[in-house]
């Protein structure tokens, strides 16, 4: 091989390396682009809450979740170090504990869909409390279904209260009366409406509960009645929206409505 040939050969070899390098870089960039899918820009929606029921000694956390407007069953959801398990029958994430096993105080709701979503949301489980006074005779008789003042102890850490009234045989259904407390105090007066059915007096034994809440709970599981209307969405992240909060339910008290 002549010297000129050798020089051309070496130059040719050297010129190949920049081309190879460019090709490798282009392949890497193309490879990264291929990982970008609809998952990395997806939108998530979550709705639910924790209900700690002191009357039943039961606590349930229930969450429904969507991704891109479709049911999503592959998230990791943890509240109070308790990982929620997806229940395919009810299409809900679910965890259950004793009420005594859930402590008062700040807790984190962790919601993730690795590597596309990771959010930490802070909520408070309000303190345990109880009804301390129902202004009726000791036998709890309310002749004629008059309004009844009630008082309860404070539930520390709560944003507010609502109360529930149901006939004994229809407790833990949606067929009860519930209303937010707007007085700003730990007291209210149960109205005559709570003891009526289609404007007529509905006699019998009623169970009464007071519920404290934090955030904007949206789960009626483990509640004596439905949550009264009025709470709105309180999760507003770039890729996660929705509604979540906590509720603590007092042990029940009773009222006996009669018509003598």
Protein backbone atom coordinates (compact mmCIF):
# COMPACT_ATOMS: atom_id res chain seq x y z
CA UNK A 1 0.00 0.00 0.00
CA UNK A 2 1.45 3.42 -1.01
CA UNK A 3 1.83 6.23 1.51
CA UNK A 4 -0.98 8.18 -0.16
CA UNK A 5 -3.27 5.15 0.04
CA UNK A 6 -2.40 4.65 3.70
CA UNK A 7 -3.15 8.30 4.50
CA UNK A 8 -6.54 8.13 2.71
CA UNK A 9 -7.34 4.89 4.56
CA UNK A 10 -6.57 6.43 7.97
CA UNK A 11 -8.56 9.58 7.16
CA UNK A 12 -11.49 7.45 6.06
CA UNK A 13 -11.40 5.48 9.32
CA UNK A 14 -11.24 8.63 11.42
CA UNK A 15 -14.15 10.21 9.59
CA UNK A 16 -16.40 7.27 10.46
CA UNK A 17 -16.26 7.88 14.24
CA UNK A 18 -18.08 11.25 14.26
CA UNK A 19 -20.82 9.72 12.12
CA UNK A 20 -21.17 6.77 14.47
CA UNK A 21 -21.27 9.14 17.44
CA UNK A 22 -24.04 11.22 15.85
CA UNK A 23 -26.01 8.06 15.07
CA UNK A 24 -25.68 6.86 18.70
CA UNK A 25 -26.88 10.23 20.01
CA UNK A 26 -29.83 10.23 17.60
CA UNK A 27 -30.79 6.71 18.65
CA UNK A 28 -30.68 7.77 22.31
CA UNK A 29 -32.90 10.78 21.66
CA UNK A 30 -35.35 8.70 19.63
CA UNK A 31 -35.36 6.10 22.39
CA UNK A 32 -36.22 8.72 25.02
CA UNK A 33 -39.05 10.06 22.86
CA UNK A 34 -40.48 6.58 22.52
CA UNK A 35 -40.93 6.38 26.33
CA UNK A 36 -43.20 9.43 26.33
CA UNK A 37 -46.76 8.12 26.26
CA UNK A 38 -50.16 9.33 27.34
CA UNK A 39 -49.33 8.00 30.83
CA UNK A 40 -46.76 10.73 31.40
CA UNK A 41 -49.34 13.44 30.73
CA UNK A 42 -52.37 11.70 32.26
CA UNK A 43 -54.86 13.35 34.59
CA UNK A 44 -56.04 11.68 37.79
CA UNK A 45 -59.21 12.10 39.86
CA UNK A 46 -59.68 10.83 43.42
CA UNK A 47 -62.71 10.97 45.72
CA UNK A 48 -63.23 9.42 49.15
CA UNK A 49 -62.44 9.70 52.84
CA UNK A 50 -61.84 8.11 56.22
CA UNK A 51 -64.78 7.51 58.58
CA UNK A 52 -63.81 6.69 62.17
CA UNK A 53 -66.97 5.52 63.90
CA UNK A 54 -66.71 5.40 67.70
CA UNK A 55 -70.18 3.89 68.00
CA UNK A 56 -69.14 0.79 66.02
CA UNK A 57 -65.42 0.87 66.93
CA UNK A 58 -64.77 0.74 63.20
CA UNK A 59 -62.66 2.87 60.84
CA UNK A 60 -62.87 2.60 57.07
CA UNK A 61 -60.94 4.48 54.40
CA UNK A 62 -62.58 4.30 50.98
CA UNK A 63 -61.32 5.86 47.72
CA UNK A 64 -62.53 5.83 44.12
CA UNK A 65 -59.97 6.80 41.49
CA UNK A 66 -59.91 7.60 37.77
CA UNK A 67 -57.14 8.13 35.26
CA UNK A 68 -57.92 10.02 32.05
CA UNK A 69 -61.66 9.77 32.87
CA UNK A 70 -61.55 5.97 33.22
CA UNK A 71 -61.59 3.75 36.28
CA UNK A 72 -58.02 3.26 37.53
CA UNK A 73 -57.19 0.22 39.63
CA UNK A 74 -53.38 0.27 39.62
CA UNK A 75 -52.53 3.15 41.97
CA UNK A 76 -50.72 2.89 45.30
CA UNK A 77 -52.75 4.71 47.97
CA UNK A 78 -51.60 4.91 51.60
CA UNK A 79 -53.28 6.74 54.49
CA UNK A 80 -51.93 6.74 58.05
CA UNK A 81 -49.34 4.10 57.00
CA UNK A 82 -52.22 1.84 55.96
CA UNK A 83 -52.09 0.72 52.31
CA UNK A 84 -55.52 0.61 50.67
CA UNK A 85 -56.37 -2.57 48.76
CA UNK A 86 -58.30 -2.40 45.50
CA UNK A 87 -61.66 -4.22 45.65
CA UNK A 88 -62.66 -5.20 42.13
CA UNK A 89 -66.25 -5.97 43.10
CA UNK A 90 -66.96 -2.46 44.43
CA UNK A 91 -64.31 -0.83 42.20
CA UNK A 92 -62.91 0.96 45.26
CA UNK A 93 -59.66 1.14 47.21
CA UNK A 94 -60.41 0.08 50.75
CA UNK A 95 -58.88 -0.38 54.20
CA UNK A 96 -60.50 -1.27 57.52
CA UNK A 97 -59.36 -0.96 61.12
CA UNK A 98 -60.79 -0.59 64.59
CA UNK A 99 -61.64 2.97 65.55
CA UNK A 100 -59.31 2.64 68.52
CA UNK A 101 -56.54 1.76 66.07
CA UNK A 102 -56.74 5.15 64.33
CA UNK A 103 -55.09 7.97 66.26
CA UNK A 104 -55.99 11.64 66.35
CA UNK A 105 -53.64 14.01 64.54
CA UNK A 106 -52.00 14.85 61.24
CA UNK A 107 -51.77 12.14 58.61
CA UNK A 108 -50.54 11.95 55.02
CA UNK A 109 -52.49 10.59 52.06
CA UNK A 110 -49.93 9.22 49.59
CA UNK A 111 -51.14 8.72 46.03
CA UNK A 112 -48.78 7.35 43.38
CA UNK A 113 -48.72 5.78 39.95
CA UNK A 114 -45.01 5.27 39.47
CA UNK A 115 -43.33 6.90 37.62
CA UNK A 116 -46.16 9.15 36.44
CA UNK A 117 -47.71 10.46 39.67
CA UNK A 118 -46.55 11.01 43.23
CA UNK A 119 -48.54 13.25 45.57
CA UNK A 120 -48.55 13.75 49.35
CA UNK A 121 -51.69 15.35 50.83
CA UNK A 122 -52.03 16.32 54.49
CA UNK A 123 -55.19 15.74 56.55
CA UNK A 124 -56.11 15.64 60.24
CA UNK A 125 -58.07 12.94 62.02
CA UNK A 126 -60.15 14.96 64.54
CA UNK A 127 -60.15 14.04 68.21
CA UNK A 128 -62.61 11.62 69.79
CA UNK A 129 -65.66 13.26 71.36
CA UNK A 130 -69.19 12.51 72.55
CA UNK A 131 -72.69 13.90 73.00
CA UNK A 132 -72.86 15.32 76.52
CA UNK A 133 -76.44 16.59 76.76
CA UNK A 134 -79.82 16.07 75.14
CA UNK A 135 -82.41 18.36 76.68
CA UNK A 136 -85.11 15.78 77.29
CA UNK A 137 -86.27 13.79 80.32
CA UNK A 138 -84.03 10.92 81.36
CA UNK A 139 -86.20 8.45 79.45
CA UNK A 140 -85.51 10.56 76.31
CA UNK A 141 -89.23 10.97 75.52
CA UNK A 142 -90.06 13.69 73.02
CA UNK A 143 -93.83 13.90 72.91
CA UNK A 144 -94.98 15.51 69.68
CA UNK A 145 -91.57 15.61 68.01
CA UNK A 146 -90.54 19.06 69.23
CA UNK A 147 -87.09 20.55 68.41
CA UNK A 148 -84.39 19.16 70.71
CA UNK A 149 -81.22 21.05 71.81
CA UNK A 150 -78.07 18.90 72.04
CA UNK A 151 -74.53 19.62 73.25
CA UNK A 152 -71.29 17.72 72.67
CA UNK A 153 -67.66 17.90 73.74
CA UNK A 154 -65.09 19.46 71.41
CA UNK A 155 -63.43 17.38 68.70
CA UNK A 156 -59.93 18.86 68.47
CA UNK A 157 -58.55 19.47 65.00
CA UNK A 158 -61.89 19.44 63.20
CA UNK A 159 -63.05 21.93 60.57
CA UNK A 160 -66.68 21.64 61.65
CA UNK A 161 -69.57 19.37 62.58
CA UNK A 162 -72.73 17.84 61.20
CA UNK A 163 -75.26 15.64 62.95
CA UNK A 164 -77.31 12.63 61.92
CA UNK A 165 -80.74 11.47 63.06
CA UNK A 166 -82.31 8.16 61.97
CA UNK A 167 -85.09 5.94 63.07
CA UNK A 168 -83.55 3.00 64.92
CA UNK A 169 -84.45 0.51 62.19
CA UNK A 170 -82.98 2.63 59.39
CA UNK A 171 -79.61 3.59 60.85
CA UNK A 172 -76.68 3.27 58.45
CA UNK A 173 -78.80 3.90 55.41
CA UNK A 174 -79.34 7.07 53.42
CA UNK A 175 -82.89 7.32 54.82
CA UNK A 176 -81.98 9.66 57.65
CA UNK A 177 -81.71 13.35 58.47
CA UNK A 178 -78.35 15.12 58.45
CA UNK A 179 -77.38 18.77 58.63
CA UNK A 180 -74.26 20.89 59.10
CA UNK A 181 -73.85 22.83 62.32
CA UNK A 182 -73.56 26.53 61.50
CA UNK A 183 -73.55 28.02 64.99
CA UNK A 184 -69.76 27.83 65.40
CA UNK A 185 -70.26 26.13 68.76
CA UNK A 186 -70.47 22.56 70.02
CA UNK A 187 -74.25 22.67 70.17
CA UNK A 188 -77.30 22.80 67.95
CA UNK A 189 -81.03 22.19 67.97
CA UNK A 190 -82.44 19.22 66.09
CA UNK A 191 -85.43 20.58 64.13
CA UNK A 192 -88.90 19.10 63.95
CA UNK A 193 -88.14 18.05 60.36
CA UNK A 194 -85.79 15.35 61.62
CA UNK A 195 -88.75 13.49 63.13
CA UNK A 196 -91.13 13.81 60.20
CA UNK A 197 -91.88 11.75 57.13
CA UNK A 198 -93.52 13.70 54.30
CA UNK A 199 -94.46 16.43 56.83
CA UNK A 200 -96.15 13.92 59.18
CA UNK A 201 -94.74 12.97 62.57
CA UNK A 202 -92.89 9.65 62.42
CA UNK A 203 -92.93 8.15 65.89
CA UNK A 204 -90.45 5.67 67.36
CA UNK A 205 -86.92 5.49 68.70
CA UNK A 206 -84.34 7.65 66.93
CA UNK A 207 -80.57 7.39 67.09
CA UNK A 208 -78.62 10.66 67.20
CA UNK A 209 -74.95 11.08 66.23
CA UNK A 210 -72.64 14.06 65.86
CA UNK A 211 -69.84 13.93 63.30
CA UNK A 212 -66.72 16.10 63.20
CA UNK A 213 -64.79 16.43 59.95
CA UNK A 214 -61.57 17.72 58.42
CA UNK A 215 -61.06 18.55 54.76
CA UNK A 216 -63.86 17.61 52.40
CA UNK A 217 -64.79 13.96 53.01
CA UNK A 218 -66.82 12.23 50.31
CA UNK A 219 -67.35 8.69 51.61
CA UNK A 220 -70.63 7.65 53.25
CA UNK A 221 -69.33 4.18 54.10
CA UNK A 222 -69.57 3.51 57.85
CA UNK A 223 -71.74 6.63 58.38
CA UNK A 224 -75.20 6.50 60.00
CA UNK A 225 -76.57 8.80 57.27
CA UNK A 226 -75.33 10.44 54.10
CA UNK A 227 -73.07 13.49 54.40
CA UNK A 228 -75.21 16.62 54.01
CA UNK A 229 -74.72 18.45 50.70
CA UNK A 230 -72.32 21.38 50.56
CA UNK A 231 -68.76 20.03 50.65
CA UNK A 232 -66.76 20.62 47.48
CA UNK A 233 -63.57 19.37 45.84
CA UNK A 234 -60.43 20.24 47.78
CA UNK A 235 -57.63 18.54 45.80
CA UNK A 236 -56.17 20.77 43.10
CA UNK A 237 -52.79 19.56 41.92
CA UNK A 238 -51.37 19.81 38.40
CA UNK A 239 -52.28 16.21 37.61
CA UNK A 240 -54.50 15.19 40.53
CA UNK A 241 -57.88 16.66 41.45
CA UNK A 242 -60.75 15.49 43.60
CA UNK A 243 -62.08 15.42 47.14
CA UNK A 244 -60.92 13.79 50.39
CA UNK A 245 -61.29 14.27 54.13
CA UNK A 246 -61.84 12.58 57.48
CA UNK A 247 -64.83 12.11 59.79
CA UNK A 248 -65.17 11.04 63.43
CA UNK A 249 -68.61 9.82 64.60
CA UNK A 250 -69.69 9.97 68.26
CA UNK A 251 -71.26 7.09 70.14
CA UNK A 252 -75.02 7.36 69.60
CA UNK A 253 -77.64 8.82 71.89
CA UNK A 254 -81.40 8.27 71.62
CA UNK A 255 -84.68 10.14 71.36
CA UNK A 256 -88.09 8.48 71.71
CA UNK A 257 -90.66 10.39 69.66
CA UNK A 258 -94.23 9.73 70.77
CA UNK A 259 -97.71 11.09 70.12
CA UNK A 260 -99.88 10.73 73.18
